[in-house]
Amino acid sequence: MTGNASIKRFSLAEIEAARAKGLSKTRADAPEAGELGEEFWARATRVRPRERKASVHLRIDADVLDWFKAQGAGHLTRMNAVLRAYYEAMSRKEK
């Protein structure tokens, strides 16, 4: 399995240093996430990524592609997640 060149890992110290220099895109006043609580963890399930991916050429409306790209890095992964959710919803509906 080859590594994904778009994934970069940073330590907390590196992130804080980048924020102090004004290099972080994260807002300093961004709210912290609240505690998830016991109920969340009791219902949580582990989701494993699918191993096999198919490479395809796909024509997409420009405004749709622009919207996904505007959400930041990982737009293709998010597009795949939307398609997977639709596929799973339709599969359940057919049963």
Protein backbone atom coordinates (compact mmCIF):
# COMPACT_ATOMS: atom_id res chain seq x y z
CA MET A 1 0.00 0.00 0.00
CA THR A 2 1.43 3.36 -0.95
CA GLY A 3 1.19 6.45 1.24
CA ASN A 4 -1.06 9.35 0.35
CA ALA A 5 1.16 12.33 -0.42
CA SER A 6 -1.60 14.78 0.54
CA ILE A 7 -1.69 13.62 4.17
CA LYS A 8 0.65 15.51 6.47
CA ARG A 9 1.01 14.92 10.19
CA PHE A 10 1.94 17.68 12.62
CA SER A 11 2.53 17.65 16.33
CA LEU A 12 0.44 19.87 18.59
CA ALA A 13 3.51 22.04 19.17
CA GLU A 14 3.94 22.54 15.39
CA ILE A 15 0.29 23.48 15.01
CA GLU A 16 0.45 25.96 17.89
CA ALA A 17 3.67 27.48 16.48
CA ALA A 18 2.05 27.91 13.05
CA ARG A 19 -1.00 29.53 14.67
CA ALA A 20 1.25 31.91 16.66
CA LYS A 21 2.98 32.95 13.40
CA GLY A 22 -0.39 33.52 11.73
CA LEU A 23 0.17 30.63 9.32
CA SER A 24 -2.79 28.54 10.49
CA LYS A 25 -6.13 28.71 8.68
CA THR A 26 -7.87 27.77 11.93
CA ARG A 27 -9.53 30.71 13.64
CA ALA A 28 -8.14 31.41 17.07
CA ASP A 29 -11.69 32.04 18.34
CA ALA A 30 -13.11 28.80 16.89
CA PRO A 31 -15.29 27.06 19.48
CA GLU A 32 -14.07 23.88 21.09
CA ALA A 33 -16.10 20.74 20.54
CA GLY A 34 -18.12 19.63 23.53
CA GLU A 35 -17.79 16.30 25.28
CA LEU A 36 -19.45 13.47 23.38
CA GLY A 37 -20.68 11.62 26.46
CA GLU A 38 -21.29 7.98 27.29
CA GLU A 39 -24.35 7.60 25.05
CA PHE A 40 -22.37 8.55 21.96
CA TRP A 41 -19.62 6.04 22.68
CA ALA A 42 -22.14 3.32 23.55
CA ARG A 43 -23.68 3.65 20.07
CA ALA A 44 -20.45 4.34 18.15
CA THR A 45 -19.31 1.82 15.57
CA ARG A 46 -15.93 1.47 13.97
CA VAL A 47 -15.98 2.17 10.26
CA ARG A 48 -13.15 0.72 8.23
CA PRO A 49 -12.27 2.12 4.83
CA ARG A 50 -12.92 -0.04 1.83
CA GLU A 51 -9.67 -1.48 0.53
CA ARG A 52 -10.44 -1.44 -3.16
CA LYS A 53 -11.00 1.77 -5.07
CA ALA A 54 -11.67 2.05 -8.78
CA SER A 55 -10.18 4.85 -10.82
CA VAL A 56 -12.74 6.46 -13.13
CA HIS A 57 -13.05 9.46 -15.38
CA LEU A 58 -16.15 11.37 -14.30
CA ARG A 59 -17.72 14.50 -15.73
CA ILE A 60 -19.24 16.64 -12.98
CA ASP A 61 -21.07 19.94 -13.16
CA ALA A 62 -18.54 22.73 -12.58
CA ASP A 63 -20.52 24.36 -9.77
CA VAL A 64 -20.76 21.07 -7.88
CA LEU A 65 -17.01 20.44 -8.21
CA ASP A 66 -16.25 24.03 -7.20
CA TRP A 67 -18.41 23.64 -4.09
CA PHE A 68 -16.62 20.47 -3.00
CA LYS A 69 -13.20 22.03 -3.68
CA ALA A 70 -14.18 25.12 -1.69
CA GLN A 71 -14.61 22.90 1.38
CA GLY A 72 -10.84 22.34 1.36
CA ALA A 73 -8.47 19.46 0.85
CA GLY A 74 -10.02 16.04 0.52
CA HIS A 75 -12.81 17.01 -1.87
CA LEU A 76 -12.62 13.71 -3.77
CA THR A 77 -12.87 11.75 -0.53
CA ARG A 78 -15.94 13.77 0.47
CA MET A 79 -17.51 13.25 -2.95
CA ASN A 80 -16.97 9.50 -2.55
CA ALA A 81 -18.57 9.63 0.91
CA VAL A 82 -21.66 11.36 -0.51
CA LEU A 83 -21.93 8.77 -3.27
CA ARG A 84 -21.48 5.94 -0.74
CA ALA A 85 -24.22 7.35 1.51
CA TYR A 86 -26.58 7.56 -1.47
CA TYR A 87 -25.68 4.03 -2.56
CA GLU A 88 -26.25 2.64 0.94
CA ALA A 89 -29.58 4.47 1.31
CA MET A 90 -30.80 3.16 -2.05
CA SER A 91 -29.57 -0.37 -1.24
CA ARG A 92 -31.56 -0.38 2.01
CA LYS A 93 -34.61 0.94 0.16
CA GLU A 94 -34.44 -1.90 -2.38
CA LYS A 95 -34.46 -4.59 0.33
